[in-house]
PDB file of N, CA and C in Angstrom:
ATOM      1  N   MET A   1      11.951 -10.267  10.446  1.00  0.00           N
ATOM      2  CA  MET A   1      11.161 -10.795   8.906  1.00  0.00           C
ATOM      3  C   MET A   1      11.810 -11.909   8.906  1.00  0.00           C
ATOM      4  N   HIS A   2      11.210 -12.747   8.614  1.00  0.00           N
ATOM      5  CA  HIS A   2      11.856 -14.243   8.018  1.00  0.00           C
ATOM      6  C   HIS A   2      11.220 -14.803   7.412  1.00  0.00           C
ATOM      7  N   ALA A   3      10.857 -14.944   5.892  1.00  0.00           N
ATOM      8  CA  ALA A   3      10.345 -16.131   5.250  1.00  0.00           C
ATOM      9  C   ALA A   3      10.359 -17.632   5.475  1.00  0.00           C
ATOM     10  N   ARG A   4       9.364 -18.181   5.247  1.00  0.00           N
ATOM     11  CA  ARG A   4       9.661 -19.607   5.246  1.00  0.00           C
ATOM     12  C   ARG A   4       9.409 -20.155   3.786  1.00  0.00           C
ATOM     13  N   PRO A   5      10.024 -21.381   3.663  1.00  0.00           N
ATOM     14  CA  PRO A   5       9.908 -21.922   2.037  1.00  0.00           C
ATOM     15  C   PRO A   5       8.887 -22.137   1.833  1.00  0.00           C
ATOM     16  N   GLU A   6       7.663 -22.571   2.267  1.00  0.00           N
ATOM     17  CA  GLU A   6       7.038 -23.096   1.677  1.00  0.00           C
ATOM     18  C   GLU A   6       6.161 -21.484   1.430  1.00  0.00           C
ATOM     19  N   ASP A   7       6.339 -20.045   1.944  1.00  0.00           N
ATOM     20  CA  ASP A   7       6.317 -19.036   1.491  1.00  0.00           C
ATOM     21  C   ASP A   7       6.261 -18.584   0.126  1.00  0.00           C
ATOM     22  N   PHE A   8       7.568 -18.620  -0.783  1.00  0.00           N
ATOM     23  CA  PHE A   8       8.092 -18.239  -1.989  1.00  0.00           C
ATOM     24  C   PHE A   8       7.103 -19.619  -2.483  1.00  0.00           C
ATOM     25  N   ASP A   9       6.211 -20.449  -2.489  1.00  0.00           N
ATOM     26  CA  ASP A   9       5.815 -21.832  -3.221  1.00  0.00           C
ATOM     27  C   ASP A   9       4.560 -20.846  -3.504  1.00  0.00           C
ATOM     28  N   ARG A  10       4.073 -20.578  -2.227  1.00  0.00           N
ATOM     29  CA  ARG A  10       2.199 -19.842  -2.199  1.00  0.00           C
ATOM     30  C   ARG A  10       2.619 -18.412  -3.388  1.00  0.00           C
ATOM     31  N   ALA A  11       4.121 -17.591  -2.888  1.00  0.00           N
ATOM     32  CA  ALA A  11       3.952 -16.215  -3.478  1.00  0.00           C
ATOM     33  C   ALA A  11       4.143 -16.423  -5.072  1.00  0.00           C
ATOM     34  N   LEU A  12       4.947 -17.178  -5.588  1.00  0.00           N
ATOM     35  CA  LEU A  12       4.516 -17.684  -7.243  1.00  0.00           C
ATOM     36  C   LEU A  12       3.450 -18.102  -7.512  1.00  0.00           C
ATOM     37  N   ASP A  13       2.649 -19.075  -6.726  1.00  0.00           N
ATOM     38  CA  ASP A  13       1.226 -19.291  -6.951  1.00  0.00           C
ATOM     39  C   ASP A  13      -0.072 -17.747  -6.986  1.00  0.00           C
ATOM     40  N   LEU A  14       0.455 -17.104  -5.887  1.00  0.00           N
ATOM     41  CA  LEU A  14      -0.597 -16.037  -5.768  1.00  0.00           C
ATOM     42  C   LEU A  14      -0.222 -14.805  -7.011  1.00  0.00           C
ATOM     43  N   TRP A  15       1.191 -14.967  -7.257  1.00  0.00           N
ATOM     44  CA  TRP A  15       1.377 -13.768  -8.902  1.00  0.00           C
ATOM     45  C   TRP A  15       1.085 -14.460  -9.756  1.00  0.00           C
ATOM     46  N   CYS A  16       1.065 -15.721  -9.964  1.00  0.00           N
ATOM     47  CA  CYS A  16       0.532 -16.054 -11.419  1.00  0.00           C
ATOM     48  C   CYS A  16      -1.352 -16.095 -11.076  1.00  0.00           C
ATOM     49  N   HIS A  17      -1.721 -16.725 -10.159  1.00  0.00           N
ATOM     50  CA  HIS A  17      -3.290 -16.094 -10.153  1.00  0.00           C
ATOM     51  C   HIS A  17      -3.603 -15.148 -10.299  1.00  0.00           C
ATOM     52  N   LYS A  18      -3.325 -13.897 -10.090  1.00  0.00           N
ATOM     53  CA  LYS A  18      -3.061 -12.498  -9.892  1.00  0.00           C
ATOM     54  C   LYS A  18      -3.190 -11.993 -11.694  1.00  0.00           C
ATOM     55  N   ALA A  19      -1.926 -12.698 -12.493  1.00  0.00           N
ATOM     56  CA  ALA A  19      -1.683 -11.975 -13.752  1.00  0.00           C
ATOM     57  C   ALA A  19      -2.654 -12.662 -14.404  1.00  0.00           C
ATOM     58  N   GLU A  20      -3.610 -14.394 -14.227  1.00  0.00           N
ATOM     59  CA  GLU A  20      -4.040 -14.483 -14.952  1.00  0.00           C
ATOM     60  C   GLU A  20      -5.685 -14.023 -14.952  1.00  0.00           C
ATOM     61  N   LYS A  21      -5.774 -13.469 -13.678  1.00  0.00           N
ATOM     62  CA  LYS A  21      -6.849 -12.769 -13.432  1.00  0.00           C
ATOM     63  C   LYS A  21      -6.951 -11.637 -14.025  1.00  0.00           C
ATOM     64  N   GLU A  22      -5.626 -11.201 -14.073  1.00  0.00           N
ATOM     65  CA  GLU A  22      -5.951  -9.943 -15.687  1.00  0.00           C
ATOM     66  C   GLU A  22      -6.207  -9.836 -16.756  1.00  0.00           C
ATOM     67  N   GLY A  23      -6.008 -11.244 -17.221  1.00  0.00           N
ATOM     68  CA  GLY A  23      -5.968 -11.692 -18.632  1.00  0.00           C
ATOM     69  C   GLY A  23      -4.941 -12.298 -19.176  1.00  0.00           C
ATOM     70  N   TRP A  24      -3.659 -12.470 -18.440  1.00  0.00           N
ATOM     71  CA  TRP A  24      -2.458 -12.284 -18.969  1.00  0.00           C
ATOM     72  C   TRP A  24      -2.260 -14.064 -19.017  1.00  0.00           C
ATOM     73  N   SER A  25      -2.102 -14.788 -20.089  1.00  0.00           N
ATOM     74  CA  SER A  25      -1.910 -16.164 -20.171  1.00  0.00           C
ATOM     75  C   SER A  25      -0.387 -16.602 -19.829  1.00  0.00           C
ATOM     76  N   VAL A  26      -0.371 -17.368 -18.088  1.00  0.00           N
ATOM     77  CA  VAL A  26       1.057 -17.470 -17.619  1.00  0.00           C
ATOM     78  C   VAL A  26       1.117 -18.993 -17.632  1.00  0.00           C
ATOM     79  N   SER A  27       2.325 -19.548 -18.097  1.00  0.00           N
ATOM     80  CA  SER A  27       2.654 -20.790 -17.658  1.00  0.00           C
ATOM     81  C   SER A  27       4.113 -20.711 -16.988  1.00  0.00           C
ATOM     82  N   VAL A  28       4.319 -21.652 -15.931  1.00  0.00           N
ATOM     83  CA  VAL A  28       5.065 -21.996 -14.730  1.00  0.00           C
ATOM     84  C   VAL A  28       6.372 -23.000 -15.353  1.00  0.00           C
ATOM     85  N   LEU A  29       7.144 -22.111 -15.488  1.00  0.00           N
ATOM     86  CA  LEU A  29       8.610 -23.064 -16.087  1.00  0.00           C
ATOM     87  C   LEU A  29       9.461 -23.749 -15.124  1.00  0.00           C
ATOM     88  N   ASP A  30       9.575 -23.057 -14.007  1.00  0.00           N
ATOM     89  CA  ASP A  30      10.242 -23.746 -13.163  1.00  0.00           C
ATOM     90  C   ASP A  30       9.731 -23.217 -11.444  1.00  0.00           C
ATOM     91  N   ARG A  31       9.918 -24.139 -11.134  1.00  0.00           N
ATOM     92  CA  ARG A  31       9.736 -23.400  -9.041  1.00  0.00           C
ATOM     93  C   ARG A  31      11.161 -23.858  -9.085  1.00  0.00           C
ATOM     94  N   ASP A  32      11.598 -22.805  -7.873  1.00  0.00           N
ATOM     95  CA  ASP A  32      12.844 -23.105  -7.294  1.00  0.00           C
ATOM     96  C   ASP A  32      12.737 -24.148  -6.418  1.00  0.00           C
ATOM     97  N   ARG A  33      13.753 -25.455  -6.432  1.00  0.00           N
ATOM     98  CA  ARG A  33      13.639 -26.188  -5.234  1.00  0.00           C
ATOM     99  C   ARG A  33      14.297 -26.013  -4.157  1.00  0.00           C
ATOM    100  N   GLU A  34      15.550 -24.733  -3.964  1.00  0.00           N
ATOM    101  CA  GLU A  34      15.892 -24.308  -2.693  1.00  0.00           C
ATOM    102  C   GLU A  34      15.227 -23.099  -2.404  1.00  0.00           C
ATOM    103  N   ALA A  35      14.335 -23.094  -2.380  1.00  0.00           N
ATOM    104  CA  ALA A  35      12.798 -22.042  -1.975  1.00  0.00           C
ATOM    105  C   ALA A  35      14.106 -20.710  -1.417  1.00  0.00           C
ATOM    106  N   GLY A  36      13.953 -19.819  -1.746  1.00  0.00           N
ATOM    107  CA  GLY A  36      14.398 -18.512  -1.171  1.00  0.00           C
ATOM    108  C   GLY A  36      15.482 -18.112  -1.239  1.00  0.00           C
ATOM    109  N   ARG A  37      16.699 -18.868  -2.364  1.00  0.00           N
ATOM    110  CA  ARG A  37      17.791 -18.854  -3.001  1.00  0.00           C
ATOM    111  C   ARG A  37      18.182 -17.224  -3.416  1.00  0.00           C
ATOM    112  N   ASP A  38      18.685 -15.813  -3.061  1.00  0.00           N
ATOM    113  CA  ASP A  38      18.216 -14.896  -3.590  1.00  0.00           C
ATOM    114  C   ASP A  38      17.007 -14.247  -4.003  1.00  0.00           C
ATOM    115  N   GLY A  39      16.034 -14.550  -2.810  1.00  0.00           N
ATOM    116  CA  GLY A  39      14.340 -14.573  -2.904  1.00  0.00           C
ATOM    117  C   GLY A  39      13.766 -15.045  -4.363  1.00  0.00           C
ATOM    118  N   ARG A  40      14.671 -15.623  -5.059  1.00  0.00           N
ATOM    119  CA  ARG A  40      13.751 -16.853  -6.296  1.00  0.00           C
ATOM    120  C   ARG A  40      12.255 -17.662  -6.108  1.00  0.00           C
ATOM    121  N   CYS A  41      11.588 -17.375  -6.634  1.00  0.00           N
ATOM    122  CA  CYS A  41      10.646 -18.590  -6.503  1.00  0.00           C
ATOM    123  C   CYS A  41      10.377 -19.357  -7.550  1.00  0.00           C
ATOM    124  N   GLY A  42      10.455 -18.764  -9.045  1.00  0.00           N
ATOM    125  CA  GLY A  42      10.483 -19.368  -9.992  1.00  0.00           C
ATOM    126  C   GLY A  42      10.302 -18.684 -10.996  1.00  0.00           C
ATOM    127  N   ALA A  43      10.202 -19.417 -12.370  1.00  0.00           N
ATOM    128  CA  ALA A  43      10.564 -18.600 -13.730  1.00  0.00           C
ATOM    129  C   ALA A  43       8.975 -19.057 -14.417  1.00  0.00           C
ATOM    130  N   VAL A  44       8.690 -18.079 -14.772  1.00  0.00           N
ATOM    131  CA  VAL A  44       7.308 -17.938 -15.944  1.00  0.00           C
ATOM    132  C   VAL A  44       7.520 -17.908 -17.180  1.00  0.00           C
ATOM    133  N   GLU A  45       6.763 -17.769 -18.289  1.00  0.00           N
ATOM    134  CA  GLU A  45       6.624 -17.393 -19.524  1.00  0.00           C
ATOM    135  C   GLU A  45       5.084 -17.159 -19.279  1.00  0.00           C
ATOM    136  N   VAL A  46       5.022 -15.025 -19.699  1.00  0.00           N
ATOM    137  CA  VAL A  46       3.458 -14.755 -20.234  1.00  0.00           C
ATOM    138  C   VAL A  46       3.910 -14.259 -21.178  1.00  0.00           C
ATOM    139  N   ASP A  47       2.979 -14.861 -22.124  1.00  0.00           N
ATOM    140  CA  ASP A  47       2.561 -14.451 -23.573  1.00  0.00           C
ATOM    141  C   ASP A  47       3.186 -14.438 -24.430  1.00  0.00           C
ATOM    142  N   GLY A  48       4.943 -15.412 -23.949  1.00  0.00           N
ATOM    143  CA  GLY A  48       5.737 -15.568 -24.720  1.00  0.00           C
ATOM    144  C   GLY A  48       7.452 -14.998 -24.050  1.00  0.00           C
ATOM    145  N   LEU A  49       7.263 -13.650 -23.338  1.00  0.00           N
ATOM    146  CA  LEU A  49       8.324 -13.281 -22.779  1.00  0.00           C
ATOM    147  C   LEU A  49       8.762 -14.392 -21.011  1.00  0.00           C
ATOM    148  N   ARG A  50       9.972 -14.668 -20.752  1.00  0.00           N
ATOM    149  CA  ARG A  50      10.077 -15.035 -19.673  1.00  0.00           C
ATOM    150  C   ARG A  50      10.425 -14.129 -18.433  1.00  0.00           C
ATOM    151  N   TYR A  51      10.078 -14.398 -17.108  1.00  0.00           N
ATOM    152  CA  TYR A  51       9.784 -13.609 -16.057  1.00  0.00           C
ATOM    153  C   TYR A  51      11.010 -14.444 -14.972  1.00  0.00           C
ATOM    154  N   GLU A  52      11.279 -14.233 -14.017  1.00  0.00           N
ATOM    155  CA  GLU A  52      11.822 -14.711 -12.467  1.00  0.00           C
ATOM    156  C   GLU A  52      11.124 -14.199 -11.722  1.00  0.00           C
ATOM    157  N   ILE A  53      10.485 -14.801 -10.789  1.00  0.00           N
ATOM    158  CA  ILE A  53       9.184 -14.285  -9.945  1.00  0.00           C
ATOM    159  C   ILE A  53       9.479 -14.393  -8.495  1.00  0.00           C
ATOM    160  N   ARG A  54      10.335 -12.906  -7.574  1.00  0.00           N
ATOM    161  CA  ARG A  54      10.730 -13.229  -6.685  1.00  0.00           C
ATOM    162  C   ARG A  54       9.886 -12.661  -5.779  1.00  0.00           C
ATOM    163  N   TYR A  55      10.513 -13.034  -3.840  1.00  0.00           N
ATOM    164  CA  TYR A  55       9.861 -12.719  -3.209  1.00  0.00           C
ATOM    165  C   TYR A  55      10.594 -11.855  -1.761  1.00  0.00           C
ATOM    166  N   GLY A  56      10.317 -10.985  -1.591  1.00  0.00           N
ATOM    167  CA  GLY A  56      11.315 -10.800  -0.048  1.00  0.00           C
ATOM    168  C   GLY A  56      10.351  -9.107   0.038  1.00  0.00           C
ATOM    169  N   PRO A  57      11.328  -8.899   1.399  1.00  0.00           N
ATOM    170  CA  PRO A  57      10.844  -7.181   1.878  1.00  0.00           C
ATOM    171  C   PRO A  57      11.522  -6.207   0.458  1.00  0.00           C
ATOM    172  N   ARG A  58      10.383  -5.481   0.855  1.00  0.00           N
ATOM    173  CA  ARG A  58      10.558  -4.147  -0.030  1.00  0.00           C
ATOM    174  C   ARG A  58      10.045  -3.219   0.342  1.00  0.00           C
ATOM    175  N   THR A  59      10.201  -1.984   0.251  1.00  0.00           N
ATOM    176  CA  THR A  59       9.843  -0.613   0.960  1.00  0.00           C
ATOM    177  C   THR A  59       8.661  -0.164  -0.348  1.00  0.00           C
ATOM    178  N   ARG A  60       7.674   0.340   0.183  1.00  0.00           N
ATOM    179  CA  ARG A  60       6.279   0.765  -0.170  1.00  0.00           C
ATOM    180  C   ARG A  60       5.929   1.851   0.002  1.00  0.00           C
ATOM    181  N   THR A  61       5.119   2.656  -0.302  1.00  0.00           N
ATOM    182  CA  THR A  61       4.845   4.307  -0.116  1.00  0.00           C
ATOM    183  C   THR A  61       3.322   3.900   0.462  1.00  0.00           C
ATOM    184  N   VAL A  62       3.028   3.575   1.479  1.00  0.00           N
ATOM    185  CA  VAL A  62       1.222   4.386   1.920  1.00  0.00           C
ATOM    186  C   VAL A  62       0.879   5.628   2.480  1.00  0.00           C
ATOM    187  N   LEU A  63      -0.168   5.506   2.194  1.00  0.00           N
ATOM    188  CA  LEU A  63      -0.659   6.973   3.305  1.00  0.00           C
ATOM    189  C   LEU A  63      -1.379   6.948   4.355  1.00  0.00           C
ATOM    190  N   ILE A  64      -0.872   7.625   5.415  1.00  0.00           N
ATOM    191  CA  ILE A  64      -1.503   7.076   6.472  1.00  0.00           C
ATOM    192  C   ILE A  64      -1.726   8.711   7.012  1.00  0.00           C
ATOM    193  N   ASP A  65      -2.909   8.413   7.702  1.00  0.00           N
ATOM    194  CA  ASP A  65      -4.093   9.588   7.866  1.00  0.00           C
ATOM    195  C   ASP A  65      -3.062  10.315   9.636  1.00  0.00           C
ATOM    196  N   ASP A  66      -2.526  11.742   9.460  1.00  0.00           N
ATOM    197  CA  ASP A  66      -1.977  11.502  10.536  1.00  0.00           C
ATOM    198  C   ASP A  66      -3.054  12.492  11.599  1.00  0.00           C
ATOM    199  N   SER A  67      -2.289  13.006  12.797  1.00  0.00           N
ATOM    200  CA  SER A  67      -3.138  14.051  13.548  1.00  0.00           C
ATOM    201  C   SER A  67      -3.842  15.102  13.179  1.00  0.00           C
ATOM    202  N   SER A  68      -3.424  15.386  11.939  1.00  0.00           N
ATOM    203  CA  SER A  68      -4.332  17.144  11.549  1.00  0.00           C
ATOM    204  C   SER A  68      -5.424  15.967  10.476  1.00  0.00           C
ATOM    205  N   GLY A  69      -5.661  15.343  10.256  1.00  0.00           N
ATOM    206  CA  GLY A  69      -6.825  14.650   9.078  1.00  0.00           C
ATOM    207  C   GLY A  69      -6.081  14.246   7.609  1.00  0.00           C
ATOM    208  N   GLU A  70      -4.804  14.812   7.707  1.00  0.00           N
ATOM    209  CA  GLU A  70      -4.301  15.059   5.968  1.00  0.00           C
ATOM    210  C   GLU A  70      -3.418  13.648   6.006  1.00  0.00           C
ATOM    211  N   ASP A  71      -3.648  13.385   4.678  1.00  0.00           N
ATOM    212  CA  ASP A  71      -3.029  12.048   4.348  1.00  0.00           C
ATOM    213  C   ASP A  71      -1.315  12.190   3.891  1.00  0.00           C
ATOM    214  N   VAL A  72      -0.554  11.762   4.504  1.00  0.00           N
ATOM    215  CA  VAL A  72       0.670  11.439   4.412  1.00  0.00           C
ATOM    216  C   VAL A  72       1.103  10.538   4.102  1.00  0.00           C
ATOM    217  N   ALA A  73       2.234  10.393   3.018  1.00  0.00           N
ATOM    218  CA  ALA A  73       3.040   9.468   2.600  1.00  0.00           C
ATOM    219  C   ALA A  73       4.244   9.217   3.162  1.00  0.00           C
ATOM    220  N   ARG A  74       4.072   7.801   4.006  1.00  0.00           N
ATOM    221  CA  ARG A  74       5.539   6.991   4.395  1.00  0.00           C
ATOM    222  C   ARG A  74       5.419   5.774   3.974  1.00  0.00           C
ATOM    223  N   PRO A  75       7.752   5.734   4.016  1.00  0.00           N
ATOM    224  CA  PRO A  75       7.800   4.467   3.731  1.00  0.00           C
ATOM    225  C   PRO A  75       7.116   3.048   4.475  1.00  0.00           C
ATOM    226  N   ALA A  76       6.842   2.196   4.330  1.00  0.00           N
ATOM    227  CA  ALA A  76       6.817   0.974   4.890  1.00  0.00           C
ATOM    228  C   ALA A  76       7.337  -0.498   4.264  1.00  0.00           C
ATOM    229  N   PHE A  77       7.650  -0.886   5.044  1.00  0.00           N
ATOM    230  CA  PHE A  77       8.723  -2.405   5.010  1.00  0.00           C
ATOM    231  C   PHE A  77       7.847  -3.744   4.904  1.00  0.00           C
ATOM    232  N   ALA A  78       7.413  -4.251   3.948  1.00  0.00           N
ATOM    233  CA  ALA A  78       6.684  -5.407   4.310  1.00  0.00           C
ATOM    234  C   ALA A  78       7.019  -6.548   2.814  1.00  0.00           C
ATOM    235  N   TYR A  79       7.118  -7.600   3.131  1.00  0.00           N
ATOM    236  CA  TYR A  79       6.839  -8.502   1.860  1.00  0.00           C
ATOM    237  C   TYR A  79       6.338  -8.240   0.794  1.00  0.00           C
ATOM    238  N   ALA A  80       6.975  -8.640  -0.360  1.00  0.00           N
ATOM    239  CA  ALA A  80       6.246  -8.382  -1.588  1.00  0.00           C
ATOM    240  C   ALA A  80       6.366  -9.445  -2.358  1.00  0.00           C
ATOM    241  N   VAL A  81       5.745  -9.686  -3.463  1.00  0.00           N
ATOM    242  CA  VAL A  81       6.303 -10.396  -4.745  1.00  0.00           C
ATOM    243  C   VAL A  81       5.947  -9.841  -6.001  1.00  0.00           C
ATOM    244  N   TRP A  82       6.998  -9.722  -6.929  1.00  0.00           N
ATOM    245  CA  TRP A  82       7.443  -9.358  -7.884  1.00  0.00           C
ATOM    246  C   TRP A  82       7.839  -9.850  -9.124  1.00  0.00           C
ATOM    247  N   ALA A  83       7.705  -9.756 -10.676  1.00  0.00           N
ATOM    248  CA  ALA A  83       8.254 -10.229 -11.458  1.00  0.00           C
ATOM    249  C   ALA A  83       9.284  -9.110 -12.170  1.00  0.00           C
ATOM    250  N   GLU A  84      10.767 -10.030 -12.402  1.00  0.00           N
ATOM    251  CA  GLU A  84      12.361  -9.448 -12.870  1.00  0.00           C
ATOM    252  C   GLU A  84      12.126  -9.739 -14.612  1.00  0.00           C
ATOM    253  N   PRO A  85      11.925  -9.270 -15.771  1.00  0.00           N
ATOM    254  CA  PRO A  85      12.009  -9.995 -17.097  1.00  0.00           C
ATOM    255  C   PRO A  85      13.434 -10.668 -17.292  1.00  0.00           C
ATOM    256  N   VAL A  86      13.486 -11.747 -17.604  1.00  0.00           N
ATOM    257  CA  VAL A  86      14.678 -12.559 -18.098  1.00  0.00           C
ATOM    258  C   VAL A  86      14.958 -12.226 -19.304  1.00  0.00           C
ATOM    259  N   VAL A  87      16.378 -11.077 -19.815  1.00  0.00           N
ATOM    260  CA  VAL A  87      16.990 -10.817 -21.083  1.00  0.00           C
ATOM    261  C   VAL A  87      17.999 -12.028 -21.629  1.00  0.00           C
ATOM    262  N   LEU A  88      17.420 -12.670 -22.354  1.00  0.00           N
ATOM    263  CA  LEU A  88      18.273 -13.463 -22.957  1.00  0.00           C
ATOM    264  C   LEU A  88      19.428 -13.454 -23.956  1.00  0.00           C
ATOM    265  N   GLU A  89      20.472 -14.166 -23.598  1.00  0.00           N
ATOM    266  CA  GLU A  89      21.628 -13.731 -24.489  1.00  0.00           C
ATOM    267  C   GLU A  89      21.368 -13.250 -26.172  1.00  0.00           C
ATOM    268  N   THR A  90      21.001 -13.974 -26.790  1.00  0.00           N
ATOM    269  CA  THR A  90      20.266 -14.032 -28.010  1.00  0.00           C
ATOM    270  C   THR A  90      19.726 -12.241 -28.440  1.00  0.00           C
ATOM    271  N   PHE A  91      19.562 -11.820 -27.475  1.00  0.00           N
ATOM    272  CA  PHE A  91      19.029  -9.939 -27.777  1.00  0.00           C
ATOM    273  C   PHE A  91      20.256  -9.174 -27.606  1.00  0.00           C
ATOM    274  N   LEU A  92      21.254  -9.711 -27.010  1.00  0.00           N
ATOM    275  CA  LEU A  92      22.328  -9.238 -26.729  1.00  0.00           C
ATOM    276  C   LEU A  92      23.242  -8.961 -26.935  1.00  0.00           C
ATOM    277  N   VAL A  93      23.280  -8.550 -28.720  1.00  0.00           N
ATOM    278  CA  VAL A  93      24.526  -8.327 -29.719  1.00  0.00           C
ATOM    279  C   VAL A  93      24.867  -7.360 -30.028  1.00  0.00           C
ATOM    280  N   ASP A  94      26.081  -7.115 -30.568  1.00  0.00           N
ATOM    281  CA  ASP A  94      26.528  -5.930 -30.622  1.00  0.00           C
ATOM    282  C   ASP A  94      26.999  -5.704 -32.215  1.00  0.00           C
ATOM    283  N   GLU A  95      26.406  -4.662 -32.608  1.00  0.00           N
ATOM    284  CA  GLU A  95      26.464  -3.932 -33.713  1.00  0.00           C
ATOM    285  C   GLU A  95      27.191  -3.283 -33.949  1.00  0.00           C
TER     286      GLU A  95
END
């Protein structure tokens, strides 16, 4: 499996589209110009909170119909796009 640089741009657009379709207000803050650096696509703001959008191989659980007709959970390795929250240092205060 190998992702191309344009895959990261498309992944960011797809994530934003899906979030907006669910009713979230999304603003793209930046797009990673070195597409694929650590899987980073860019940064977004969703209703005042910042997230980094990443794209890369992830393990998911899928249901597969086995030979007995029962659904069995199995791991599947595929590309996915996800958001990771950005924690600003101003919130990390020792009291």
